Amino acid sequence: MERQLVRIYRSPHKPEMYLYVIKARGLQDVPEDLLAHFGKPKQVMDMLLTAERRLARVEATRVLEQLATRGYYLQMPPAGDDYMLDLYRDTADRYRDIT
C-alpha cells in the first residue's frame, strides 16, 4: 500500500494520542475496548498519506502497514521526561537537617 486516504482522530482523554483510520472504513475496524479507552474520537483532519510523507512521531510506512493489516494505527503520547516525575515525589527528605 503506497498511499491511503486517512482520517485522524485525537483522544479527549489522553493528550497527544491519535488514531489513524482508513477514511472509507471509518472506525469499524477499531476494537470496542480500544475505543472505550480512547474516548469519543474528535476528528482532527483527513489527509492523503503516502510513504514519502513526513510525520512528526512515526514513519509513514509504519502507519500504512498497520492500516493494511489492522485497519487502524494508534499513536501513543510521547513518554514523559524523567524530571517531570519529580513533581509528584515526596520532597520532605530533600530538605532534612544535615547537622
PDB file of N, CA and C in Angstrom:
ATOM      1  N   MET A   1       0.855  -1.177   0.000  1.00  0.00           N
ATOM      2  CA  MET A   1       0.000   0.000   0.000  1.00  0.00           C
ATOM      3  C   MET A   1       0.897   1.234   0.000  1.00  0.00           C
ATOM      4  N   GLU A   2       0.910   1.953  -1.087  1.00  0.00           N
ATOM      5  CA  GLU A   2       1.787   3.112  -1.205  1.00  0.00           C
ATOM      6  C   GLU A   2       1.147   4.404  -0.730  1.00  0.00           C
ATOM      7  N   ARG A   3      -0.175   4.460  -0.782  1.00  0.00           N
ATOM      8  CA  ARG A   3      -0.862   5.655  -0.304  1.00  0.00           C
ATOM      9  C   ARG A   3      -2.273   5.288   0.125  1.00  0.00           C
ATOM     10  N   GLN A   4      -2.810   6.114   1.019  1.00  0.00           N
ATOM     11  CA  GLN A   4      -4.126   5.832   1.573  1.00  0.00           C
ATOM     12  C   GLN A   4      -4.732   7.143   2.057  1.00  0.00           C
ATOM     13  N   LEU A   5      -6.019   7.309   1.811  1.00  0.00           N
ATOM     14  CA  LEU A   5      -6.737   8.456   2.347  1.00  0.00           C
ATOM     15  C   LEU A   5      -7.127   8.104   3.780  1.00  0.00           C
ATOM     16  N   VAL A   6      -6.610   8.869   4.736  1.00  0.00           N
ATOM     17  CA  VAL A   6      -6.832   8.543   6.144  1.00  0.00           C
ATOM     18  C   VAL A   6      -7.568   9.672   6.855  1.00  0.00           C
ATOM     19  N   ARG A   7      -8.216   9.289   7.935  1.00  0.00           N
ATOM     20  CA  ARG A   7      -8.855  10.244   8.839  1.00  0.00           C
ATOM     21  C   ARG A   7      -8.143  10.096  10.178  1.00  0.00           C
ATOM     22  N   ILE A   8      -7.821  11.219  10.788  1.00  0.00           N
ATOM     23  CA  ILE A   8      -7.090  11.216  12.051  1.00  0.00           C
ATOM     24  C   ILE A   8      -7.992  11.784  13.142  1.00  0.00           C
ATOM     25  N   TYR A   9      -8.033  11.060  14.263  1.00  0.00           N
ATOM     26  CA  TYR A   9      -8.809  11.471  15.431  1.00  0.00           C
ATOM     27  C   TYR A   9      -7.861  11.675  16.606  1.00  0.00           C
ATOM     28  N   ARG A  10      -8.241  12.563  17.519  1.00  0.00           N
ATOM     29  CA  ARG A  10      -7.488  12.714  18.763  1.00  0.00           C
ATOM     30  C   ARG A  10      -8.355  12.230  19.918  1.00  0.00           C
ATOM     31  N   SER A  11      -7.694  11.817  20.967  1.00  0.00           N
ATOM     32  CA  SER A  11      -8.397  11.332  22.147  1.00  0.00           C
ATOM     33  C   SER A  11      -8.743  12.497  23.066  1.00  0.00           C
ATOM     34  N   PRO A  12      -9.966  12.526  23.595  1.00  0.00           N
ATOM     35  CA  PRO A  12     -10.305  13.570  24.559  1.00  0.00           C
ATOM     36  C   PRO A  12      -9.736  13.266  25.947  1.00  0.00           C
ATOM     37  N   HIS A  13      -9.311  12.004  26.157  1.00  0.00           N
ATOM     38  CA  HIS A  13      -8.811  11.592  27.471  1.00  0.00           C
ATOM     39  C   HIS A  13      -7.303  11.724  27.616  1.00  0.00           C
ATOM     40  N   LYS A  14      -6.578  11.460  26.548  1.00  0.00           N
ATOM     41  CA  LYS A  14      -5.112  11.437  26.608  1.00  0.00           C
ATOM     42  C   LYS A  14      -4.548  12.473  25.640  1.00  0.00           C
ATOM     43  N   PRO A  15      -3.845  13.467  26.160  1.00  0.00           N
ATOM     44  CA  PRO A  15      -3.232  14.444  25.264  1.00  0.00           C
ATOM     45  C   PRO A  15      -2.224  13.769  24.330  1.00  0.00           C
ATOM     46  N   GLU A  16      -2.205  14.184  23.121  1.00  0.00           N
ATOM     47  CA  GLU A  16      -1.265  13.714  22.100  1.00  0.00           C
ATOM     48  C   GLU A  16      -1.423  12.237  21.734  1.00  0.00           C
ATOM     49  N   MET A  17      -2.597  11.669  21.970  1.00  0.00           N
ATOM     50  CA  MET A  17      -2.906  10.313  21.500  1.00  0.00           C
ATOM     51  C   MET A  17      -3.806  10.457  20.280  1.00  0.00           C
ATOM     52  N   TYR A  18      -3.390   9.829  19.178  1.00  0.00           N
ATOM     53  CA  TYR A  18      -4.119   9.957  17.917  1.00  0.00           C
ATOM     54  C   TYR A  18      -4.419   8.590  17.330  1.00  0.00           C
ATOM     55  N   LEU A  19      -5.522   8.512  16.614  1.00  0.00           N
ATOM     56  CA  LEU A  19      -5.958   7.286  15.966  1.00  0.00           C
ATOM     57  C   LEU A  19      -6.093   7.567  14.473  1.00  0.00           C
ATOM     58  N   TYR A  20      -5.358   6.803  13.667  1.00  0.00           N
ATOM     59  CA  TYR A  20      -5.419   6.918  12.208  1.00  0.00           C
ATOM     60  C   TYR A  20      -6.282   5.775  11.691  1.00  0.00           C
ATOM     61  N   VAL A  21      -7.238   6.074  10.834  1.00  0.00           N
ATOM     62  CA  VAL A  21      -8.078   5.042  10.220  1.00  0.00           C
ATOM     63  C   VAL A  21      -8.203   5.318   8.726  1.00  0.00           C
ATOM     64  N   ILE A  22      -8.553   4.275   7.984  1.00  0.00           N
ATOM     65  CA  ILE A  22      -8.837   4.440   6.562  1.00  0.00           C
ATOM     66  C   ILE A  22     -10.153   5.201   6.462  1.00  0.00           C
ATOM     67  N   LYS A  23     -10.154   6.316   5.778  1.00  0.00           N
ATOM     68  CA  LYS A  23     -11.330   7.191   5.753  1.00  0.00           C
ATOM     69  C   LYS A  23     -12.585   6.458   5.283  1.00  0.00           C
ATOM     70  N   ALA A  24     -12.476   5.655   4.244  1.00  0.00           N
ATOM     71  CA  ALA A  24     -13.645   4.970   3.689  1.00  0.00           C
ATOM     72  C   ALA A  24     -14.252   3.961   4.670  1.00  0.00           C
ATOM     73  N   ARG A  25     -13.443   3.407   5.572  1.00  0.00           N
ATOM     74  CA  ARG A  25     -13.931   2.394   6.518  1.00  0.00           C
ATOM     75  C   ARG A  25     -14.310   2.996   7.869  1.00  0.00           C
ATOM     76  N   GLY A  26     -13.830   4.183   8.136  1.00  0.00           N
ATOM     77  CA  GLY A  26     -14.159   4.825   9.402  1.00  0.00           C
ATOM     78  C   GLY A  26     -13.617   4.060  10.594  1.00  0.00           C
ATOM     79  N   LEU A  27     -14.391   4.032  11.661  1.00  0.00           N
ATOM     80  CA  LEU A  27     -13.963   3.406  12.910  1.00  0.00           C
ATOM     81  C   LEU A  27     -14.366   1.938  13.024  1.00  0.00           C
ATOM     82  N   GLN A  28     -14.914   1.350  11.971  1.00  0.00           N
ATOM     83  CA  GLN A  28     -15.448  -0.011  12.069  1.00  0.00           C
ATOM     84  C   GLN A  28     -14.386  -1.071  12.359  1.00  0.00           C
ATOM     85  N   ASP A  29     -13.111  -0.829  12.041  1.00  0.00           N
ATOM     86  CA  ASP A  29     -12.053  -1.807  12.302  1.00  0.00           C
ATOM     87  C   ASP A  29     -11.404  -1.636  13.671  1.00  0.00           C
ATOM     88  N   VAL A  30     -11.751  -0.583  14.380  1.00  0.00           N
ATOM     89  CA  VAL A  30     -11.150  -0.312  15.688  1.00  0.00           C
ATOM     90  C   VAL A  30     -11.898  -1.120  16.747  1.00  0.00           C
ATOM     91  N   PRO A  31     -11.172  -1.910  17.562  1.00  0.00           N
ATOM     92  CA  PRO A  31     -11.829  -2.712  18.602  1.00  0.00           C
ATOM     93  C   PRO A  31     -12.588  -1.834  19.607  1.00  0.00           C
ATOM     94  N   GLU A  32     -13.701  -2.355  20.086  1.00  0.00           N
ATOM     95  CA  GLU A  32     -14.539  -1.618  21.041  1.00  0.00           C
ATOM     96  C   GLU A  32     -13.769  -1.258  22.314  1.00  0.00           C
ATOM     97  N   ASP A  33     -12.941  -2.189  22.809  1.00  0.00           N
ATOM     98  CA  ASP A  33     -12.162  -1.921  24.022  1.00  0.00           C
ATOM     99  C   ASP A  33     -11.222  -0.736  23.826  1.00  0.00           C
ATOM    100  N   LEU A  34     -10.625  -0.666  22.659  1.00  0.00           N
ATOM    101  CA  LEU A  34      -9.721   0.449  22.368  1.00  0.00           C
ATOM    102  C   LEU A  34     -10.497   1.758  22.316  1.00  0.00           C
ATOM    103  N   LEU A  35     -11.646   1.747  21.687  1.00  0.00           N
ATOM    104  CA  LEU A  35     -12.459   2.964  21.616  1.00  0.00           C
ATOM    105  C   LEU A  35     -12.922   3.407  23.001  1.00  0.00           C
ATOM    106  N   ALA A  36     -13.225   2.440  23.873  1.00  0.00           N
ATOM    107  CA  ALA A  36     -13.640   2.780  25.233  1.00  0.00           C
ATOM    108  C   ALA A  36     -12.500   3.473  25.982  1.00  0.00           C
ATOM    109  N   HIS A  37     -11.286   2.985  25.803  1.00  0.00           N
ATOM    110  CA  HIS A  37     -10.117   3.587  26.455  1.00  0.00           C
ATOM    111  C   HIS A  37      -9.761   4.931  25.808  1.00  0.00           C
ATOM    112  N   PHE A  38      -9.897   5.000  24.502  1.00  0.00           N
ATOM    113  CA  PHE A  38      -9.546   6.197  23.733  1.00  0.00           C
ATOM    114  C   PHE A  38     -10.492   7.351  24.045  1.00  0.00           C
ATOM    115  N   GLY A  39     -11.761   7.044  24.279  1.00  0.00           N
ATOM    116  CA  GLY A  39     -12.769   8.078  24.481  1.00  0.00           C
ATOM    117  C   GLY A  39     -13.459   8.397  23.167  1.00  0.00           C
ATOM    118  N   LYS A  40     -14.418   9.309  23.209  1.00  0.00           N
ATOM    119  CA  LYS A  40     -15.138   9.677  21.987  1.00  0.00           C
ATOM    120  C   LYS A  40     -14.178  10.396  21.045  1.00  0.00           C
ATOM    121  N   PRO A  41     -13.871   9.786  19.895  1.00  0.00           N
ATOM    122  CA  PRO A  41     -12.881  10.370  18.985  1.00  0.00           C
ATOM    123  C   PRO A  41     -13.301  11.751  18.475  1.00  0.00           C
ATOM    124  N   LYS A  42     -12.352  12.664  18.495  1.00  0.00           N
ATOM    125  CA  LYS A  42     -12.553  14.011  17.954  1.00  0.00           C
ATOM    126  C   LYS A  42     -11.783  14.095  16.640  1.00  0.00           C
ATOM    127  N   GLN A  43     -12.495  14.315  15.548  1.00  0.00           N
ATOM    128  CA  GLN A  43     -11.840  14.364  14.241  1.00  0.00           C
ATOM    129  C   GLN A  43     -10.895  15.557  14.160  1.00  0.00           C
ATOM    130  N   VAL A  44      -9.672  15.271  13.697  1.00  0.00           N
ATOM    131  CA  VAL A  44      -8.662  16.315  13.552  1.00  0.00           C
ATOM    132  C   VAL A  44      -8.521  16.715  12.092  1.00  0.00           C
ATOM    133  N   MET A  45      -8.328  15.718  11.214  1.00  0.00           N
ATOM    134  CA  MET A  45      -8.129  16.027   9.795  1.00  0.00           C
ATOM    135  C   MET A  45      -8.217  14.775   8.949  1.00  0.00           C
ATOM    136  N   ASP A  46      -8.383  15.002   7.656  1.00  0.00           N
ATOM    137  CA  ASP A  46      -8.263  13.962   6.637  1.00  0.00           C
ATOM    138  C   ASP A  46      -7.035  14.314   5.818  1.00  0.00           C
ATOM    139  N   MET A  47      -6.307  13.276   5.374  1.00  0.00           N
ATOM    140  CA  MET A  47      -5.136  13.541   4.541  1.00  0.00           C
ATOM    141  C   MET A  47      -4.801  12.338   3.686  1.00  0.00           C
ATOM    142  N   LEU A  48      -4.137  12.604   2.591  1.00  0.00           N
ATOM    143  CA  LEU A  48      -3.618  11.543   1.743  1.00  0.00           C
ATOM    144  C   LEU A  48      -2.248  11.182   2.299  1.00  0.00           C
ATOM    145  N   LEU A  49      -2.142   9.982   2.835  1.00  0.00           N
ATOM    146  CA  LEU A  49      -0.889   9.524   3.434  1.00  0.00           C
ATOM    147  C   LEU A  49      -0.125   8.698   2.420  1.00  0.00           C
ATOM    148  N   THR A  50       1.092   9.126   2.137  1.00  0.00           N
ATOM    149  CA  THR A  50       1.975   8.401   1.228  1.00  0.00           C
ATOM    150  C   THR A  50       3.208   7.960   2.007  1.00  0.00           C
ATOM    151  N   ALA A  51       3.939   7.004   1.464  1.00  0.00           N
ATOM    152  CA  ALA A  51       5.151   6.510   2.121  1.00  0.00           C
ATOM    153  C   ALA A  51       6.190   7.617   2.277  1.00  0.00           C
ATOM    154  N   GLU A  52       6.160   8.598   1.401  1.00  0.00           N
ATOM    155  CA  GLU A  52       7.134   9.686   1.444  1.00  0.00           C
ATOM    156  C   GLU A  52       6.751  10.795   2.423  1.00  0.00           C
ATOM    157  N   ARG A  53       5.525  10.788   2.879  1.00  0.00           N
ATOM    158  CA  ARG A  53       5.023  11.850   3.765  1.00  0.00           C
ATOM    159  C   ARG A  53       5.776  11.843   5.089  1.00  0.00           C
ATOM    160  N   ARG A  54       6.157  13.019   5.548  1.00  0.00           N
ATOM    161  CA  ARG A  54       6.840  13.132   6.836  1.00  0.00           C
ATOM    162  C   ARG A  54       5.808  13.358   7.925  1.00  0.00           C
ATOM    163  N   LEU A  55       5.879  12.530   8.954  1.00  0.00           N
ATOM    164  CA  LEU A  55       5.020  12.674  10.121  1.00  0.00           C
ATOM    165  C   LEU A  55       5.902  12.996  11.326  1.00  0.00           C
ATOM    166  N   ALA A  56       5.317  13.599  12.340  1.00  0.00           N
ATOM    167  CA  ALA A  56       6.100  14.082  13.477  1.00  0.00           C
ATOM    168  C   ALA A  56       6.727  12.968  14.310  1.00  0.00           C
ATOM    169  N   ARG A  57       5.989  11.902  14.603  1.00  0.00           N
ATOM    170  CA  ARG A  57       6.485  10.916  15.561  1.00  0.00           C
ATOM    171  C   ARG A  57       6.621   9.500  15.044  1.00  0.00           C
ATOM    172  N   VAL A  58       6.270   9.271  13.797  1.00  0.00           N
ATOM    173  CA  VAL A  58       6.300   7.899  13.280  1.00  0.00           C
ATOM    174  C   VAL A  58       6.575   7.944  11.781  1.00  0.00           C
ATOM    175  N   GLU A  59       7.139   6.866  11.285  1.00  0.00           N
ATOM    176  CA  GLU A  59       7.358   6.752   9.842  1.00  0.00           C
ATOM    177  C   GLU A  59       6.018   6.478   9.156  1.00  0.00           C
ATOM    178  N   ALA A  60       5.774   7.139   8.072  1.00  0.00           N
ATOM    179  CA  ALA A  60       4.518   6.958   7.336  1.00  0.00           C
ATOM    180  C   ALA A  60       4.351   5.515   6.873  1.00  0.00           C
ATOM    181  N   THR A  61       5.455   4.849   6.543  1.00  0.00           N
ATOM    182  CA  THR A  61       5.359   3.450   6.099  1.00  0.00           C
ATOM    183  C   THR A  61       4.814   2.556   7.204  1.00  0.00           C
ATOM    184  N   ARG A  62       5.172   2.842   8.448  1.00  0.00           N
ATOM    185  CA  ARG A  62       4.646   2.045   9.572  1.00  0.00           C
ATOM    186  C   ARG A  62       3.135   2.231   9.708  1.00  0.00           C
ATOM    187  N   VAL A  63       2.682   3.466   9.582  1.00  0.00           N
ATOM    188  CA  VAL A  63       1.243   3.740   9.659  1.00  0.00           C
ATOM    189  C   VAL A  63       0.522   3.018   8.523  1.00  0.00           C
ATOM    190  N   LEU A  64       1.055   3.092   7.322  1.00  0.00           N
ATOM    191  CA  LEU A  64       0.436   2.424   6.172  1.00  0.00           C
ATOM    192  C   LEU A  64       0.384   0.907   6.362  1.00  0.00           C
ATOM    193  N   GLU A  65       1.441   0.318   6.926  1.00  0.00           N
ATOM    194  CA  GLU A  65       1.449  -1.127   7.186  1.00  0.00           C
ATOM    195  C   GLU A  65       0.366  -1.515   8.185  1.00  0.00           C
ATOM    196  N   GLN A  66       0.243  -0.738   9.269  1.00  0.00           N
ATOM    197  CA  GLN A  66      -0.772  -1.023  10.284  1.00  0.00           C
ATOM    198  C   GLN A  66      -2.182  -0.835   9.726  1.00  0.00           C
ATOM    199  N   LEU A  67      -2.360   0.156   8.889  1.00  0.00           N
ATOM    200  CA  LEU A  67      -3.668   0.355   8.263  1.00  0.00           C
ATOM    201  C   LEU A  67      -4.024  -0.832   7.377  1.00  0.00           C
ATOM    202  N   ALA A  68      -3.030  -1.371   6.672  1.00  0.00           N
ATOM    203  CA  ALA A  68      -3.276  -2.508   5.780  1.00  0.00           C
ATOM    204  C   ALA A  68      -3.585  -3.781   6.558  1.00  0.00           C
ATOM    205  N   THR A  69      -2.937  -3.982   7.709  1.00  0.00           N
ATOM    206  CA  THR A  69      -3.134  -5.227   8.463  1.00  0.00           C
ATOM    207  C   THR A  69      -4.248  -5.135   9.496  1.00  0.00           C
ATOM    208  N   ARG A  70      -4.334  -4.008  10.201  1.00  0.00           N
ATOM    209  CA  ARG A  70      -5.320  -3.869  11.280  1.00  0.00           C
ATOM    210  C   ARG A  70      -6.516  -3.002  10.918  1.00  0.00           C
ATOM    211  N   GLY A  71      -6.283  -2.061  10.022  1.00  0.00           N
ATOM    212  CA  GLY A  71      -7.342  -1.116   9.687  1.00  0.00           C
ATOM    213  C   GLY A  71      -7.271   0.167  10.489  1.00  0.00           C
ATOM    214  N   TYR A  72      -6.296   0.259  11.398  1.00  0.00           N
ATOM    215  CA  TYR A  72      -6.105   1.468  12.199  1.00  0.00           C
ATOM    216  C   TYR A  72      -4.664   1.523  12.689  1.00  0.00           C
ATOM    217  N   TYR A  73      -4.249   2.703  13.119  1.00  0.00           N
ATOM    218  CA  TYR A  73      -2.945   2.881  13.757  1.00  0.00           C
ATOM    219  C   TYR A  73      -3.157   3.792  14.951  1.00  0.00           C
ATOM    220  N   LEU A  74      -2.690   3.367  16.121  1.00  0.00           N
ATOM    221  CA  LEU A  74      -2.809   4.162  17.341  1.00  0.00           C
ATOM    222  C   LEU A  74      -1.461   4.797  17.648  1.00  0.00           C
ATOM    223  N   GLN A  75      -1.424   6.117  17.665  1.00  0.00           N
ATOM    224  CA  GLN A  75      -0.207   6.848  18.032  1.00  0.00           C
ATOM    225  C   GLN A  75      -0.305   7.223  19.499  1.00  0.00           C
ATOM    226  N   MET A  76       0.587   6.658  20.290  1.00  0.00           N
ATOM    227  CA  MET A  76       0.599   6.917  21.725  1.00  0.00           C
ATOM    228  C   MET A  76       1.266   8.259  22.017  1.00  0.00           C
ATOM    229  N   PRO A  77       0.938   8.858  23.167  1.00  0.00           N
ATOM    230  CA  PRO A  77       1.609  10.107  23.544  1.00  0.00           C
ATOM    231  C   PRO A  77       3.093   9.842  23.796  1.00  0.00           C
ATOM    232  N   PRO A  78       3.926  10.861  23.656  1.00  0.00           N
ATOM    233  CA  PRO A  78       5.349  10.659  23.934  1.00  0.00           C
ATOM    234  C   PRO A  78       5.559  10.363  25.413  1.00  0.00           C
ATOM    235  N   ALA A  79       6.614   9.617  25.702  1.00  0.00           N
ATOM    236  CA  ALA A  79       6.949   9.326  27.094  1.00  0.00           C
ATOM    237  C   ALA A  79       7.337  10.628  27.784  1.00  0.00           C
ATOM    238  N   GLY A  80       6.934  10.772  29.043  1.00  0.00           N
ATOM    239  CA  GLY A  80       7.268  11.979  29.790  1.00  0.00           C
ATOM    240  C   GLY A  80       8.747  12.022  30.126  1.00  0.00           C
ATOM    241  N   ASP A  81       9.258  13.192  30.316  1.00  0.00           N
ATOM    242  CA  ASP A  81      10.653  13.350  30.716  1.00  0.00           C
ATOM    243  C   ASP A  81      10.817  12.943  32.172  1.00  0.00           C
ATOM    244  N   ASP A  82      11.958  12.366  32.509  1.00  0.00           N
ATOM    245  CA  ASP A  82      12.203  11.890  33.868  1.00  0.00           C
ATOM    246  C   ASP A  82      12.083  13.000  34.905  1.00  0.00           C
ATOM    247  N   TYR A  83      12.527  14.205  34.565  1.00  0.00           N
ATOM    248  CA  TYR A  83      12.460  15.280  35.550  1.00  0.00           C
ATOM    249  C   TYR A  83      11.019  15.617  35.925  1.00  0.00           C
ATOM    250  N   MET A  84      10.086  15.335  35.037  1.00  0.00           N
ATOM    251  CA  MET A  84       8.682  15.615  35.334  1.00  0.00           C
ATOM    252  C   MET A  84       8.151  14.692  36.424  1.00  0.00           C
ATOM    253  N   LEU A  85       8.742  13.512  36.566  1.00  0.00           N
ATOM    254  CA  LEU A  85       8.301  12.583  37.596  1.00  0.00           C
ATOM    255  C   LEU A  85       8.568  13.135  38.985  1.00  0.00           C
ATOM    256  N   ASP A  86       9.579  13.985  39.132  1.00  0.00           N
ATOM    257  CA  ASP A  86       9.906  14.571  40.429  1.00  0.00           C
ATOM    258  C   ASP A  86       8.784  15.454  40.963  1.00  0.00           C
ATOM    259  N   LEU A  87       7.930  15.945  40.122  1.00  0.00           N
ATOM    260  CA  LEU A  87       6.846  16.812  40.567  1.00  0.00           C
ATOM    261  C   LEU A  87       5.904  16.107  41.530  1.00  0.00           C
ATOM    262  N   TYR A  88       5.850  14.791  41.453  1.00  0.00           N
ATOM    263  CA  TYR A  88       4.893  14.042  42.256  1.00  0.00           C
ATOM    264  C   TYR A  88       5.557  13.250  43.380  1.00  0.00           C
ATOM    265  N   ARG A  89       6.858  13.380  43.540  1.00  0.00           N
ATOM    266  CA  ARG A  89       7.560  12.669  44.605  1.00  0.00           C
ATOM    267  C   ARG A  89       7.501  13.467  45.893  1.00  0.00           C
ATOM    268  N   ASP A  90       7.574  12.732  47.000  1.00  0.00           N
ATOM    269  CA  ASP A  90       7.615  13.365  48.307  1.00  0.00           C
ATOM    270  C   ASP A  90       8.961  14.068  48.453  1.00  0.00           C
ATOM    271  N   THR A  91       8.939  15.337  48.743  1.00  0.00           N
ATOM    272  CA  THR A  91      10.180  16.113  48.829  1.00  0.00           C
ATOM    273  C   THR A  91      10.629  16.339  50.261  1.00  0.00           C
ATOM    274  N   ALA A  92       9.952  15.785  51.234  1.00  0.00           N
ATOM    275  CA  ALA A  92      10.283  16.032  52.637  1.00  0.00           C
ATOM    276  C   ALA A  92      11.720  15.632  52.955  1.00  0.00           C
ATOM    277  N   ASP A  93      12.183  14.509  52.420  1.00  0.00           N
ATOM    278  CA  ASP A  93      13.540  14.064  52.742  1.00  0.00           C
ATOM    279  C   ASP A  93      14.609  14.905  52.046  1.00  0.00           C
ATOM    280  N   ARG A  94      14.270  15.666  51.058  1.00  0.00           N
ATOM    281  CA  ARG A  94      15.228  16.531  50.374  1.00  0.00           C
ATOM    282  C   ARG A  94      15.719  17.672  51.258  1.00  0.00           C
ATOM    283  N   TYR A  95      14.875  18.097  52.144  1.00  0.00           N
ATOM    284  CA  TYR A  95      15.170  19.291  52.935  1.00  0.00           C
ATOM    285  C   TYR A  95      15.402  18.976  54.409  1.00  0.00           C
ATOM    286  N   ARG A  96      15.821  17.781  54.710  1.00  0.00           N
ATOM    287  CA  ARG A  96      16.059  17.419  56.110  1.00  0.00           C
ATOM    288  C   ARG A  96      17.327  18.111  56.614  1.00  0.00           C
ATOM    289  N   ASP A  97      17.403  18.261  57.898  1.00  0.00           N
ATOM    290  CA  ASP A  97      18.559  18.902  58.527  1.00  0.00           C
ATOM    291  C   ASP A  97      19.749  17.954  58.471  1.00  0.00           C
ATOM    292  N   ILE A  98      20.878  18.421  57.990  1.00  0.00           N
ATOM    293  CA  ILE A  98      22.054  17.577  57.812  1.00  0.00           C
ATOM    294  C   ILE A  98      22.978  17.641  59.026  1.00  0.00           C
ATOM    295  N   THR A  99      22.719  18.446  60.002  1.00  0.00           N
ATOM    296  CA  THR A  99      23.623  18.598  61.147  1.00  0.00           C
ATOM    297  C   THR A  99      23.785  17.375  61.971  1.00  0.00           C
TER     298      THR A  99
END
